[in-house]
């Protein structure tokens, strides 16, 4: 019985992937200056290095004082789209496309991150800083 429940739970996770989780947004009128993100991901089921990067980026956003994730794209200031694929059959390294789109549909920035499982923490922290700088630069020019 217990094995059937575990198998059912895993099947639900595979068939109905959960949107990226990150810190819930506070009342933005009380906490101005927090940038709302809609996080969207696309990667294969076996892409372990890509999954590790996405999971660590989610954790980095949760700890951030500058960003929070919203579940509705219409409530987001920016969309952060991540699409990745593992390189090689050992699934130790990944190539991840990072795209930031403004709420009006303008491309803010795009880059490719090459990441290995060993350095996902550093890479996700670096990429959140890079995203913050790109968004601040975009705000100044638009």
N, C-alpha and C. Protein backbone atom coordinates (compact mmCIF):
# COMPACT_ATOMS: atom_id res chain seq x y z
N UNK A 1 0.83 -1.20 0.00
CA UNK A 1 0.00 0.00 0.00
C UNK A 1 0.87 1.27 0.00
N UNK A 2 1.87 1.25 0.87
CA UNK A 2 2.75 2.42 0.97
C UNK A 2 3.53 2.64 -0.33
N UNK A 3 4.00 1.56 -0.93
CA UNK A 3 4.72 1.68 -2.19
C UNK A 3 3.82 2.23 -3.29
N UNK A 4 2.56 1.84 -3.28
CA UNK A 4 1.61 2.34 -4.27
C UNK A 4 1.39 3.84 -4.09
N UNK A 5 1.33 4.29 -2.84
CA UNK A 5 1.16 5.72 -2.57
C UNK A 5 2.38 6.51 -3.04
N UNK A 6 3.56 5.99 -2.78
CA UNK A 6 4.79 6.67 -3.19
C UNK A 6 4.87 6.71 -4.71
N UNK A 7 4.56 5.59 -5.35
CA UNK A 7 4.57 5.54 -6.80
C UNK A 7 3.56 6.53 -7.38
N UNK A 8 2.38 6.60 -6.79
CA UNK A 8 1.35 7.55 -7.25
C UNK A 8 1.84 8.98 -7.11
N UNK A 9 2.48 9.30 -5.99
CA UNK A 9 3.00 10.64 -5.76
C UNK A 9 4.05 11.00 -6.80
N UNK A 10 4.98 10.07 -7.07
CA UNK A 10 6.00 10.33 -8.07
C UNK A 10 5.40 10.49 -9.47
N UNK A 11 4.39 9.70 -9.76
CA UNK A 11 3.71 9.81 -11.05
C UNK A 11 3.05 11.17 -11.21
N UNK A 12 2.42 11.65 -10.15
CA UNK A 12 1.79 12.98 -10.19
C UNK A 12 2.84 14.05 -10.43
N UNK A 13 4.00 13.94 -9.77
CA UNK A 13 5.07 14.92 -9.96
C UNK A 13 5.58 14.94 -11.39
N UNK A 14 5.68 13.77 -12.00
CA UNK A 14 6.18 13.69 -13.37
C UNK A 14 5.14 14.21 -14.36
N UNK A 15 3.88 13.84 -14.16
CA UNK A 15 2.83 14.22 -15.11
C UNK A 15 2.38 15.67 -14.95
N UNK A 16 2.47 16.20 -13.76
CA UNK A 16 2.02 17.57 -13.50
C UNK A 16 3.14 18.34 -12.82
N UNK A 17 4.14 18.77 -13.60
CA UNK A 17 5.27 19.47 -12.99
C UNK A 17 4.81 20.74 -12.27
N UNK A 18 5.43 20.98 -11.17
CA UNK A 18 5.09 22.14 -10.35
C UNK A 18 5.86 23.35 -10.86
N UNK A 19 5.21 24.50 -10.87
CA UNK A 19 5.90 25.74 -11.22
C UNK A 19 7.02 25.97 -10.23
N UNK A 20 7.98 26.73 -10.64
CA UNK A 20 9.11 27.03 -9.78
C UNK A 20 8.64 27.69 -8.49
N UNK A 21 9.18 27.25 -7.37
CA UNK A 21 8.84 27.84 -6.08
C UNK A 21 9.92 28.82 -5.66
N UNK A 22 9.54 29.91 -5.14
CA UNK A 22 10.46 30.86 -4.54
C UNK A 22 9.67 31.67 -3.54
N UNK A 23 10.33 32.57 -2.88
CA UNK A 23 9.70 33.35 -1.83
C UNK A 23 8.41 34.00 -2.34
N UNK A 24 7.36 33.90 -1.55
CA UNK A 24 6.10 34.56 -1.90
C UNK A 24 6.28 36.06 -1.77
N UNK A 25 5.63 36.79 -2.62
CA UNK A 25 5.79 38.23 -2.60
C UNK A 25 5.03 38.85 -1.44
N UNK A 26 5.67 39.77 -0.75
CA UNK A 26 4.98 40.50 0.32
C UNK A 26 4.06 41.54 -0.28
N UNK A 27 3.36 42.24 0.57
CA UNK A 27 2.53 43.35 0.11
C UNK A 27 3.47 44.40 -0.46
N UNK A 28 3.44 44.57 -1.77
CA UNK A 28 4.42 45.43 -2.44
C UNK A 28 4.22 46.91 -2.13
N UNK A 29 3.03 47.29 -1.68
CA UNK A 29 2.85 48.69 -1.30
C UNK A 29 3.55 48.98 0.03
N UNK A 30 3.74 47.95 0.84
CA UNK A 30 4.45 48.11 2.11
C UNK A 30 5.96 47.89 1.90
N UNK A 31 6.31 47.07 0.91
CA UNK A 31 7.71 46.75 0.63
C UNK A 31 8.06 47.17 -0.80
N UNK A 32 8.14 48.47 -1.07
CA UNK A 32 8.47 48.89 -2.43
C UNK A 32 9.90 48.52 -2.78
N UNK A 33 10.16 48.40 -4.06
CA UNK A 33 11.52 48.10 -4.51
C UNK A 33 11.78 46.63 -4.74
N UNK A 34 10.83 45.77 -4.39
CA UNK A 34 10.99 44.34 -4.65
C UNK A 34 10.50 44.06 -6.07
N UNK A 35 11.31 43.39 -6.85
CA UNK A 35 10.98 43.08 -8.24
C UNK A 35 10.28 41.74 -8.29
N UNK A 36 9.10 41.73 -8.90
CA UNK A 36 8.35 40.49 -9.02
C UNK A 36 8.75 39.75 -10.29
N UNK A 37 8.96 38.45 -10.15
CA UNK A 37 9.38 37.60 -11.25
C UNK A 37 8.36 36.49 -11.48
N UNK A 38 8.15 36.16 -12.72
CA UNK A 38 7.42 34.95 -13.09
C UNK A 38 8.47 34.00 -13.60
N UNK A 39 8.67 32.90 -12.91
CA UNK A 39 9.73 31.96 -13.24
C UNK A 39 9.16 30.80 -14.04
N UNK A 40 9.73 30.58 -15.20
CA UNK A 40 9.26 29.53 -16.10
C UNK A 40 10.46 28.67 -16.49
N UNK A 41 10.31 27.35 -16.42
CA UNK A 41 11.43 26.47 -16.72
C UNK A 41 11.04 25.43 -17.76
N UNK A 42 12.05 24.96 -18.47
CA UNK A 42 11.85 23.89 -19.45
C UNK A 42 13.13 23.07 -19.53
N UNK A 43 13.04 21.81 -19.12
CA UNK A 43 14.18 20.90 -19.22
C UNK A 43 13.66 19.47 -19.18
N UNK A 44 14.51 18.56 -19.61
CA UNK A 44 14.12 17.16 -19.67
C UNK A 44 14.11 16.48 -18.32
N UNK A 45 13.39 15.40 -18.26
CA UNK A 45 13.23 14.63 -17.04
C UNK A 45 14.57 14.11 -16.49
N UNK A 46 15.50 13.76 -17.37
CA UNK A 46 16.77 13.19 -16.96
C UNK A 46 17.88 14.23 -16.80
N UNK A 47 17.59 15.49 -17.02
CA UNK A 47 18.60 16.54 -16.99
C UNK A 47 18.93 16.95 -15.56
N UNK A 48 19.74 16.13 -14.90
CA UNK A 48 20.06 16.32 -13.48
C UNK A 48 20.83 17.61 -13.21
N UNK A 49 21.78 17.96 -14.06
CA UNK A 49 22.56 19.19 -13.84
C UNK A 49 21.68 20.43 -14.03
N UNK A 50 20.79 20.39 -15.01
CA UNK A 50 19.88 21.51 -15.22
C UNK A 50 18.93 21.64 -14.03
N UNK A 51 18.39 20.52 -13.58
CA UNK A 51 17.49 20.54 -12.41
C UNK A 51 18.19 21.12 -11.19
N UNK A 52 19.44 20.73 -10.99
CA UNK A 52 20.20 21.22 -9.84
C UNK A 52 20.38 22.74 -9.92
N UNK A 53 20.67 23.25 -11.11
CA UNK A 53 20.83 24.70 -11.30
C UNK A 53 19.51 25.42 -11.00
N UNK A 54 18.42 24.93 -11.56
CA UNK A 54 17.10 25.56 -11.36
C UNK A 54 16.73 25.55 -9.89
N UNK A 55 16.92 24.41 -9.23
CA UNK A 55 16.59 24.32 -7.81
C UNK A 55 17.41 25.30 -6.98
N UNK A 56 18.68 25.42 -7.28
CA UNK A 56 19.52 26.34 -6.52
C UNK A 56 19.16 27.79 -6.83
N UNK A 57 18.82 28.10 -8.07
CA UNK A 57 18.39 29.46 -8.40
C UNK A 57 17.10 29.80 -7.64
N UNK A 58 16.19 28.84 -7.53
CA UNK A 58 14.97 29.06 -6.76
C UNK A 58 15.30 29.39 -5.30
N UNK A 59 16.23 28.65 -4.73
CA UNK A 59 16.64 28.90 -3.34
C UNK A 59 17.30 30.28 -3.22
N UNK A 60 18.10 30.64 -4.19
CA UNK A 60 18.77 31.94 -4.18
C UNK A 60 17.73 33.07 -4.24
N UNK A 61 16.70 32.90 -5.04
CA UNK A 61 15.63 33.90 -5.12
C UNK A 61 14.89 33.98 -3.79
N UNK A 62 14.64 32.84 -3.16
CA UNK A 62 13.95 32.82 -1.85
C UNK A 62 14.71 33.65 -0.82
N UNK A 63 16.04 33.59 -0.88
CA UNK A 63 16.87 34.31 0.09
C UNK A 63 17.08 35.77 -0.29
N UNK A 64 16.70 36.13 -1.49
CA UNK A 64 16.94 37.47 -2.01
C UNK A 64 16.02 38.50 -1.33
N UNK A 65 16.56 39.68 -1.14
CA UNK A 65 15.74 40.79 -0.64
C UNK A 65 15.24 41.66 -1.79
N UNK A 66 15.70 41.38 -3.00
CA UNK A 66 15.33 42.18 -4.16
C UNK A 66 14.24 41.56 -5.02
N UNK A 67 14.08 40.24 -4.95
CA UNK A 67 13.17 39.54 -5.85
C UNK A 67 12.19 38.66 -5.09
N UNK A 68 11.05 38.43 -5.71
CA UNK A 68 10.12 37.42 -5.26
C UNK A 68 9.37 36.90 -6.48
N UNK A 69 8.86 35.68 -6.36
CA UNK A 69 8.20 35.04 -7.49
C UNK A 69 6.69 35.13 -7.32
N UNK A 70 6.00 35.46 -8.42
CA UNK A 70 4.54 35.45 -8.46
C UNK A 70 4.10 34.29 -9.33
N UNK A 71 2.90 33.78 -9.07
CA UNK A 71 2.39 32.63 -9.81
C UNK A 71 1.61 33.04 -11.06
N UNK A 72 1.27 34.32 -11.16
CA UNK A 72 0.50 34.81 -12.29
C UNK A 72 1.37 35.75 -13.12
N UNK A 73 1.56 35.42 -14.38
CA UNK A 73 2.40 36.23 -15.26
C UNK A 73 1.95 37.69 -15.29
N UNK A 74 0.64 37.92 -15.20
CA UNK A 74 0.12 39.30 -15.25
C UNK A 74 0.53 40.13 -14.05
N UNK A 75 0.93 39.48 -12.96
CA UNK A 75 1.35 40.20 -11.76
C UNK A 75 2.86 40.42 -11.71
N UNK A 76 3.57 39.93 -12.71
CA UNK A 76 5.03 40.00 -12.70
C UNK A 76 5.54 41.24 -13.41
N UNK A 77 6.61 41.78 -12.87
CA UNK A 77 7.32 42.87 -13.55
C UNK A 77 8.19 42.31 -14.66
N UNK A 78 8.71 41.10 -14.45
CA UNK A 78 9.60 40.46 -15.42
C UNK A 78 9.35 38.97 -15.42
N UNK A 79 9.58 38.36 -16.57
CA UNK A 79 9.55 36.90 -16.68
C UNK A 79 10.99 36.42 -16.78
N UNK A 80 11.32 35.44 -16.00
CA UNK A 80 12.64 34.81 -16.04
C UNK A 80 12.43 33.41 -16.60
N UNK A 81 12.88 33.21 -17.83
CA UNK A 81 12.68 31.95 -18.52
C UNK A 81 13.99 31.18 -18.58
N UNK A 82 13.95 29.93 -18.11
CA UNK A 82 15.12 29.08 -18.09
C UNK A 82 14.83 27.83 -18.91
N UNK A 83 15.66 27.57 -19.90
CA UNK A 83 15.55 26.34 -20.67
C UNK A 83 16.93 25.71 -20.71
N UNK A 84 17.00 24.44 -20.35
CA UNK A 84 18.31 23.82 -20.28
C UNK A 84 18.34 22.40 -20.76
N UNK A 85 19.54 21.95 -21.03
CA UNK A 85 19.78 20.57 -21.43
C UNK A 85 21.14 20.15 -20.87
N UNK A 86 21.19 18.93 -20.38
CA UNK A 86 22.46 18.42 -19.88
C UNK A 86 23.36 18.07 -21.05
N UNK A 87 24.66 18.26 -20.84
CA UNK A 87 25.66 17.95 -21.86
C UNK A 87 26.28 16.61 -21.53
N UNK A 88 26.15 15.66 -22.40
CA UNK A 88 26.74 14.34 -22.18
C UNK A 88 25.82 13.44 -21.39
N UNK A 89 26.17 12.17 -21.41
CA UNK A 89 25.33 11.17 -20.77
C UNK A 89 25.56 11.05 -19.27
N UNK A 90 26.61 11.67 -18.76
CA UNK A 90 26.87 11.60 -17.32
C UNK A 90 26.02 12.60 -16.54
N UNK A 91 25.39 13.54 -17.21
CA UNK A 91 24.48 14.54 -16.61
C UNK A 91 25.16 15.34 -15.51
N UNK A 92 26.44 15.64 -15.69
CA UNK A 92 27.19 16.43 -14.71
C UNK A 92 27.25 17.90 -15.08
N UNK A 93 27.06 18.21 -16.37
CA UNK A 93 27.13 19.60 -16.84
C UNK A 93 25.89 19.93 -17.65
N UNK A 94 25.55 21.22 -17.67
CA UNK A 94 24.35 21.65 -18.40
C UNK A 94 24.61 22.96 -19.12
N UNK A 95 23.87 23.16 -20.19
CA UNK A 95 23.81 24.45 -20.87
C UNK A 95 22.41 24.98 -20.64
N UNK A 96 22.32 26.18 -20.05
CA UNK A 96 21.03 26.75 -19.69
C UNK A 96 20.88 28.12 -20.33
N UNK A 97 19.79 28.30 -21.03
CA UNK A 97 19.46 29.59 -21.62
C UNK A 97 18.68 30.39 -20.57
N UNK A 98 19.17 31.58 -20.27
CA UNK A 98 18.52 32.46 -19.29
C UNK A 98 18.02 33.69 -20.05
N UNK A 99 16.71 33.90 -20.02
CA UNK A 99 16.10 35.01 -20.74
C UNK A 99 15.26 35.81 -19.76
N UNK A 100 15.39 37.14 -19.83
CA UNK A 100 14.55 38.01 -19.01
C UNK A 100 13.73 38.89 -19.95
N UNK A 101 12.41 38.86 -19.75
CA UNK A 101 11.47 39.62 -20.57
C UNK A 101 10.72 40.59 -19.64
N UNK A 102 10.54 41.84 -20.07
CA UNK A 102 9.81 42.81 -19.27
C UNK A 102 8.31 42.54 -19.35
N UNK A 103 7.55 43.18 -18.46
CA UNK A 103 6.10 42.99 -18.45
C UNK A 103 5.45 43.47 -19.75
N UNK A 104 6.12 44.33 -20.48
CA UNK A 104 5.59 44.82 -21.76
C UNK A 104 6.07 43.99 -22.94
N UNK A 105 6.83 42.92 -22.66
CA UNK A 105 7.27 42.02 -23.71
C UNK A 105 8.61 42.36 -24.33
N UNK A 106 9.35 43.30 -23.76
CA UNK A 106 10.67 43.65 -24.30
C UNK A 106 11.73 42.70 -23.76
N UNK A 107 12.65 42.33 -24.63
CA UNK A 107 13.78 41.51 -24.21
C UNK A 107 14.71 42.38 -23.36
N UNK A 108 14.93 41.98 -22.12
CA UNK A 108 15.84 42.70 -21.24
C UNK A 108 17.26 42.20 -21.45
N UNK A 109 17.43 40.89 -21.42
CA UNK A 109 18.74 40.29 -21.64
C UNK A 109 18.59 38.80 -21.87
N UNK A 110 19.65 38.21 -22.38
CA UNK A 110 19.71 36.77 -22.60
C UNK A 110 21.16 36.33 -22.50
N UNK A 111 21.38 35.21 -21.86
CA UNK A 111 22.72 34.64 -21.85
C UNK A 111 22.61 33.13 -21.69
N UNK A 112 23.71 32.47 -22.00
CA UNK A 112 23.81 31.02 -21.84
C UNK A 112 24.73 30.74 -20.67
N UNK A 113 24.26 29.93 -19.74
CA UNK A 113 25.05 29.54 -18.58
C UNK A 113 25.50 28.10 -18.77
N UNK A 114 26.80 27.86 -18.71
CA UNK A 114 27.33 26.50 -18.65
C UNK A 114 27.60 26.22 -17.18
N UNK A 115 26.98 25.17 -16.67
CA UNK A 115 27.08 24.90 -15.24
C UNK A 115 27.29 23.41 -15.00
N UNK A 116 28.06 23.11 -13.98
CA UNK A 116 28.20 21.72 -13.55
C UNK A 116 27.53 21.58 -12.19
N UNK A 117 27.22 20.37 -11.83
CA UNK A 117 26.54 20.14 -10.55
C UNK A 117 27.36 20.68 -9.38
N UNK A 118 28.68 20.59 -9.48
CA UNK A 118 29.54 21.04 -8.38
C UNK A 118 29.48 22.54 -8.13
N UNK A 119 29.15 23.33 -9.15
CA UNK A 119 29.19 24.79 -8.94
C UNK A 119 27.85 25.48 -9.18
N UNK A 120 26.74 24.78 -8.98
CA UNK A 120 25.44 25.42 -9.20
C UNK A 120 25.18 26.55 -8.21
N UNK A 121 25.64 26.42 -6.99
CA UNK A 121 25.39 27.47 -5.99
C UNK A 121 26.05 28.78 -6.41
N UNK A 122 27.30 28.72 -6.79
CA UNK A 122 28.00 29.92 -7.23
C UNK A 122 27.36 30.49 -8.50
N UNK A 123 27.04 29.61 -9.45
CA UNK A 123 26.46 30.07 -10.70
C UNK A 123 25.08 30.71 -10.52
N UNK A 124 24.26 30.12 -9.67
CA UNK A 124 22.93 30.71 -9.46
C UNK A 124 23.03 32.06 -8.75
N UNK A 125 23.94 32.18 -7.80
CA UNK A 125 24.14 33.47 -7.14
C UNK A 125 24.66 34.51 -8.12
N UNK A 126 25.64 34.12 -8.94
CA UNK A 126 26.18 35.04 -9.95
C UNK A 126 25.09 35.46 -10.94
N UNK A 127 24.25 34.51 -11.34
CA UNK A 127 23.22 34.82 -12.32
C UNK A 127 22.12 35.70 -11.76
N UNK A 128 21.81 35.56 -10.48
CA UNK A 128 20.80 36.45 -9.90
C UNK A 128 21.35 37.88 -9.81
N UNK A 129 22.62 38.02 -9.49
CA UNK A 129 23.25 39.34 -9.49
C UNK A 129 23.25 39.91 -10.91
N UNK A 130 23.59 39.08 -11.88
CA UNK A 130 23.59 39.50 -13.28
C UNK A 130 22.18 39.93 -13.72
N UNK A 131 21.17 39.17 -13.31
CA UNK A 131 19.78 39.52 -13.64
C UNK A 131 19.40 40.85 -13.00
N UNK A 132 19.78 41.04 -11.75
CA UNK A 132 19.47 42.30 -11.05
C UNK A 132 20.11 43.49 -11.76
N UNK A 133 21.37 43.35 -12.14
CA UNK A 133 22.06 44.44 -12.85
C UNK A 133 21.39 44.73 -14.19
N UNK A 134 21.01 43.68 -14.92
CA UNK A 134 20.36 43.87 -16.22
C UNK A 134 19.01 44.56 -16.06
N UNK A 135 18.26 44.18 -15.04
CA UNK A 135 16.95 44.80 -14.80
C UNK A 135 17.12 46.26 -14.39
N UNK A 136 18.09 46.55 -13.53
CA UNK A 136 18.32 47.94 -13.12
C UNK A 136 18.74 48.80 -14.31
N UNK A 137 19.60 48.26 -15.17
CA UNK A 137 20.03 48.97 -16.38
C UNK A 137 18.84 49.19 -17.31
N UNK A 138 17.98 48.19 -17.45
CA UNK A 138 16.79 48.28 -18.29
C UNK A 138 15.85 49.37 -17.76
N UNK A 139 15.68 49.41 -16.46
CA UNK A 139 14.79 50.42 -15.84
C UNK A 139 15.31 51.84 -16.11
N UNK A 140 16.61 52.02 -16.05
CA UNK A 140 17.20 53.36 -16.28
C UNK A 140 17.00 53.83 -17.71
N UNK A 141 16.96 52.89 -18.66
CA UNK A 141 16.89 53.26 -20.07
C UNK A 141 15.47 53.19 -20.65
N UNK A 142 14.51 52.75 -19.88
CA UNK A 142 13.15 52.65 -20.41
C UNK A 142 12.16 53.34 -19.51
